[in-house]
Every structure is written in C-alpha cells, then in structure tokens.
Amino acid sequence: MTDNIVITASCGTDNPNRSTRAIHLAMVAHKEGKNVTLFLLDEAVYLVKKGMIDNLKAATGDVADDLMTYLQANGVTMIACTPCAKARQIAETDLIDGARFGSAMELIQLASAASVISL
C-alpha cells in the first residue's frame, strides 16, 4: 500500500456535492498522513479559480471554501489540467494560492505511483 493518494475530479460548480467531496477527501487523506495531490480536469478547474467556490456547499453541509482553505494552509498539491483551464479562459494568474497548471503526462506519472480516487 502506498502513502501517495491522487484524487481526480472532473466536476466543479456544476455539481457541488461531487466537487466538494473531492476536496473533502483530499483533506481527510492529508490528515491521515498521506501525500495528497488533487488533480482537476474539465469543469473541476473552476474549483481553483479565485472566487469561484466562495458559496459552494454540498448537501451534507460541507463548505468547499473552508475545505480548500485547509488544503492551501497545509501545502496540499493542487493541479489544474492546463488545456482544460485554457479552454475555459482561466489563466495561471487566476488560480488560488497553492494551485498550478499541469499536464496529462504529469497525472499519469502521479497515478502510476499512487492510489487513485476519481470523482
């Protein structure tokens, strides 16, 4: 078993339950001492755009912004798919602190050495 966890998400503000759950699982894995990467594809790239999740909440009451603040404060790696973000006119300067762009090749490399959870 590996201590590396990659959580991929493809939904964003269009599905508050699944997108908030991805951020929540990243927080839980980090608190369990895992090396966590949150890799965001498709609509999920909006989750790391400044101001986009200020009011995003799951049916369970989990608040995405509060969870994301934890990830930022604890240096959890957050990667937005470069072509997914560019197709949505998101520039790297639009990203929240701690997030960056990354490629499909990077996702494959990360996933090759980790347990993967996909939402």
C-alpha atoms as a PDB file:
ATOM      1  CA  MET A   1       0.000   0.000   0.000  1.00  0.00           C
ATOM      2  CA  THR A   2       1.233   3.457  -0.883  1.00  0.00           C
ATOM      3  CA  ASP A   3       1.114   6.678   1.086  1.00  0.00           C
ATOM      4  CA  ASN A   4       0.535   8.583  -2.164  1.00  0.00           C
ATOM      5  CA  ILE A   5      -3.067   9.483  -2.980  1.00  0.00           C
ATOM      6  CA  VAL A   6      -4.216  11.190  -6.165  1.00  0.00           C
ATOM      7  CA  ILE A   7      -7.763  12.483  -6.186  1.00  0.00           C
ATOM      8  CA  THR A   8      -9.060  13.409  -9.617  1.00  0.00           C
ATOM      9  CA  ALA A   9     -12.197  15.426 -10.122  1.00  0.00           C
ATOM     10  CA  SER A  10     -13.928  16.412 -13.328  1.00  0.00           C
ATOM     11  CA  CYS A  11     -16.935  18.255 -11.906  1.00  0.00           C
ATOM     12  CA  GLY A  12     -16.896  21.740 -10.496  1.00  0.00           C
ATOM     13  CA  THR A  13     -19.533  24.260  -9.581  1.00  0.00           C
ATOM     14  CA  ASP A  14     -21.928  22.313 -11.817  1.00  0.00           C
ATOM     15  CA  ASN A  15     -22.026  19.524  -9.197  1.00  0.00           C
ATOM     16  CA  PRO A  16     -21.446  20.907  -5.692  1.00  0.00           C
ATOM     17  CA  ASN A  17     -21.791  17.514  -3.995  1.00  0.00           C
ATOM     18  CA  ARG A  18     -19.147  15.660  -6.012  1.00  0.00           C
ATOM     19  CA  SER A  19     -16.736  18.588  -6.251  1.00  0.00           C
ATOM     20  CA  THR A  20     -16.933  19.361  -2.531  1.00  0.00           C
ATOM     21  CA  ARG A  21     -16.487  15.664  -1.789  1.00  0.00           C
ATOM     22  CA  ALA A  22     -13.234  15.611  -3.803  1.00  0.00           C
ATOM     23  CA  ILE A  23     -11.841  18.493  -1.752  1.00  0.00           C
ATOM     24  CA  HIS A  24     -13.094  16.856   1.444  1.00  0.00           C
ATOM     25  CA  LEU A  25     -11.405  13.534   0.621  1.00  0.00           C
ATOM     26  CA  ALA A  26      -8.151  15.370  -0.084  1.00  0.00           C
ATOM     27  CA  MET A  27      -8.361  16.943   3.371  1.00  0.00           C
ATOM     28  CA  VAL A  28      -9.144  13.619   5.077  1.00  0.00           C
ATOM     29  CA  ALA A  29      -6.285  11.847   3.284  1.00  0.00           C
ATOM     30  CA  HIS A  30      -3.883  14.617   4.286  1.00  0.00           C
ATOM     31  CA  LYS A  31      -4.998  14.422   7.917  1.00  0.00           C
ATOM     32  CA  GLU A  32      -4.288  10.676   7.745  1.00  0.00           C
ATOM     33  CA  GLY A  33      -0.687  11.478   6.838  1.00  0.00           C
ATOM     34  CA  LYS A  34      -0.938  10.713   3.120  1.00  0.00           C
ATOM     35  CA  ASN A  35       0.913  12.554   0.355  1.00  0.00           C
ATOM     36  CA  VAL A  36      -2.066  14.027  -1.476  1.00  0.00           C
ATOM     37  CA  THR A  37      -2.454  15.513  -4.933  1.00  0.00           C
ATOM     38  CA  LEU A  38      -5.762  16.965  -6.076  1.00  0.00           C
ATOM     39  CA  PHE A  39      -5.810  16.873  -9.893  1.00  0.00           C
ATOM     40  CA  LEU A  40      -8.637  18.821 -11.517  1.00  0.00           C
ATOM     41  CA  LEU A  41      -9.959  18.144 -15.009  1.00  0.00           C
ATOM     42  CA  ASP A  42     -12.771  19.559 -17.147  1.00  0.00           C
ATOM     43  CA  GLU A  43     -15.242  21.652 -15.086  1.00  0.00           C
ATOM     44  CA  ALA A  44     -13.283  20.962 -11.886  1.00  0.00           C
ATOM     45  CA  VAL A  45     -10.638  23.503 -12.894  1.00  0.00           C
ATOM     46  CA  TYR A  46     -13.104  26.162 -11.710  1.00  0.00           C
ATOM     47  CA  LEU A  47     -12.541  24.917  -8.145  1.00  0.00           C
ATOM     48  CA  VAL A  48      -9.119  26.592  -8.058  1.00  0.00           C
ATOM     49  CA  LYS A  49     -10.139  29.794  -9.835  1.00  0.00           C
ATOM     50  CA  LYS A  50     -10.172  32.711  -7.391  1.00  0.00           C
ATOM     51  CA  GLY A  51     -13.648  33.453  -6.043  1.00  0.00           C
ATOM     52  CA  MET A  52     -15.436  30.555  -7.748  1.00  0.00           C
ATOM     53  CA  ILE A  53     -16.176  28.412  -4.693  1.00  0.00           C
ATOM     54  CA  ASP A  54     -16.942  31.113  -2.143  1.00  0.00           C
ATOM     55  CA  ASN A  55     -20.518  29.836  -1.714  1.00  0.00           C
ATOM     56  CA  LEU A  56     -20.178  26.228  -2.890  1.00  0.00           C
ATOM     57  CA  LYS A  57     -21.629  23.755  -0.410  1.00  0.00           C
ATOM     58  CA  ALA A  58     -22.550  20.070  -0.513  1.00  0.00           C
ATOM     59  CA  ALA A  59     -25.879  18.677   0.665  1.00  0.00           C
ATOM     60  CA  THR A  60     -24.035  17.359   3.731  1.00  0.00           C
ATOM     61  CA  GLY A  61     -23.232  20.924   4.764  1.00  0.00           C
ATOM     62  CA  ASP A  62     -19.541  20.698   3.860  1.00  0.00           C
ATOM     63  CA  VAL A  63     -18.349  24.084   2.600  1.00  0.00           C
ATOM     64  CA  ALA A  64     -15.886  23.824  -0.287  1.00  0.00           C
ATOM     65  CA  ASP A  65     -14.098  27.066   0.516  1.00  0.00           C
ATOM     66  CA  ASP A  66     -13.414  26.009   4.114  1.00  0.00           C
ATOM     67  CA  LEU A  67     -12.014  22.676   2.926  1.00  0.00           C
ATOM     68  CA  MET A  68      -9.907  24.364   0.240  1.00  0.00           C
ATOM     69  CA  THR A  69      -8.503  26.751   2.848  1.00  0.00           C
ATOM     70  CA  TYR A  70      -7.259  23.706   4.771  1.00  0.00           C
ATOM     71  CA  LEU A  71      -5.553  22.316   1.629  1.00  0.00           C
ATOM     72  CA  GLN A  72      -3.892  25.660   0.963  1.00  0.00           C
ATOM     73  CA  ALA A  73      -2.727  26.115   4.550  1.00  0.00           C
ATOM     74  CA  ASN A  74      -1.199  22.637   4.584  1.00  0.00           C
ATOM     75  CA  GLY A  75       0.534  22.750   1.220  1.00  0.00           C
ATOM     76  CA  VAL A  76      -1.553  20.039  -0.448  1.00  0.00           C
ATOM     77  CA  THR A  77      -0.669  19.858  -4.136  1.00  0.00           C
ATOM     78  CA  MET A  78      -3.482  21.164  -6.363  1.00  0.00           C
ATOM     79  CA  ILE A  79      -3.085  20.844 -10.108  1.00  0.00           C
ATOM     80  CA  ALA A  80      -5.459  22.125 -12.788  1.00  0.00           C
ATOM     81  CA  CYS A  81      -5.295  20.498 -16.214  1.00  0.00           C
ATOM     82  CA  THR A  82      -3.663  23.080 -18.480  1.00  0.00           C
ATOM     83  CA  PRO A  83      -5.774  22.555 -21.635  1.00  0.00           C
ATOM     84  CA  CYS A  84      -8.974  22.230 -19.550  1.00  0.00           C
ATOM     85  CA  ALA A  85      -8.287  25.586 -17.877  1.00  0.00           C
ATOM     86  CA  LYS A  86      -7.223  27.344 -21.060  1.00  0.00           C
ATOM     87  CA  ALA A  87     -10.374  26.123 -22.858  1.00  0.00           C
ATOM     88  CA  ARG A  88     -12.322  27.861 -20.076  1.00  0.00           C
ATOM     89  CA  GLN A  89     -10.204  31.025 -20.367  1.00  0.00           C
ATOM     90  CA  ILE A  90      -8.584  30.514 -16.964  1.00  0.00           C
ATOM     91  CA  ALA A  91      -5.039  31.847 -16.770  1.00  0.00           C
ATOM     92  CA  GLU A  92      -2.463  30.734 -14.243  1.00  0.00           C
ATOM     93  CA  THR A  93      -2.761  34.173 -12.622  1.00  0.00           C
ATOM     94  CA  ASP A  94      -6.462  33.384 -11.959  1.00  0.00           C
ATOM     95  CA  LEU A  95      -5.596  30.443  -9.715  1.00  0.00           C
ATOM     96  CA  ILE A  96      -5.789  30.484  -5.933  1.00  0.00           C
ATOM     97  CA  ASP A  97      -2.573  30.363  -3.936  1.00  0.00           C
ATOM     98  CA  GLY A  98      -1.057  26.891  -3.984  1.00  0.00           C
ATOM     99  CA  ALA A  99      -2.646  25.776  -7.249  1.00  0.00           C
ATOM    100  CA  ARG A 100      -0.854  25.430 -10.558  1.00  0.00           C
ATOM    101  CA  PHE A 101      -1.303  24.072 -14.057  1.00  0.00           C
ATOM    102  CA  GLY A 102      -0.207  20.551 -15.004  1.00  0.00           C
ATOM    103  CA  SER A 103      -0.331  18.116 -17.891  1.00  0.00           C
ATOM    104  CA  ALA A 104      -1.923  14.763 -18.589  1.00  0.00           C
ATOM    105  CA  MET A 105       1.553  13.234 -18.557  1.00  0.00           C
ATOM    106  CA  GLU A 106       2.060  14.518 -15.018  1.00  0.00           C
ATOM    107  CA  LEU A 107      -1.259  12.968 -13.953  1.00  0.00           C
ATOM    108  CA  ILE A 108      -0.220   9.608 -15.407  1.00  0.00           C
ATOM    109  CA  GLN A 109       3.141   9.781 -13.645  1.00  0.00           C
ATOM    110  CA  LEU A 110       1.486  10.652 -10.326  1.00  0.00           C
ATOM    111  CA  ALA A 111      -1.152   7.948 -10.712  1.00  0.00           C
ATOM    112  CA  SER A 112       1.481   5.332 -11.517  1.00  0.00           C
ATOM    113  CA  ALA A 113       2.881   5.704  -8.016  1.00  0.00           C
ATOM    114  CA  ALA A 114      -0.343   6.224  -6.066  1.00  0.00           C
ATOM    115  CA  SER A 115      -3.776   5.056  -5.123  1.00  0.00           C
ATOM    116  CA  VAL A 116      -6.280   6.990  -7.210  1.00  0.00           C
ATOM    117  CA  ILE A 117      -9.756   8.184  -6.282  1.00  0.00           C
ATOM    118  CA  SER A 118     -11.769   9.576  -9.167  1.00  0.00           C
ATOM    119  CA  LEU A 119     -14.852  11.764  -8.843  1.00  0.00           C
END
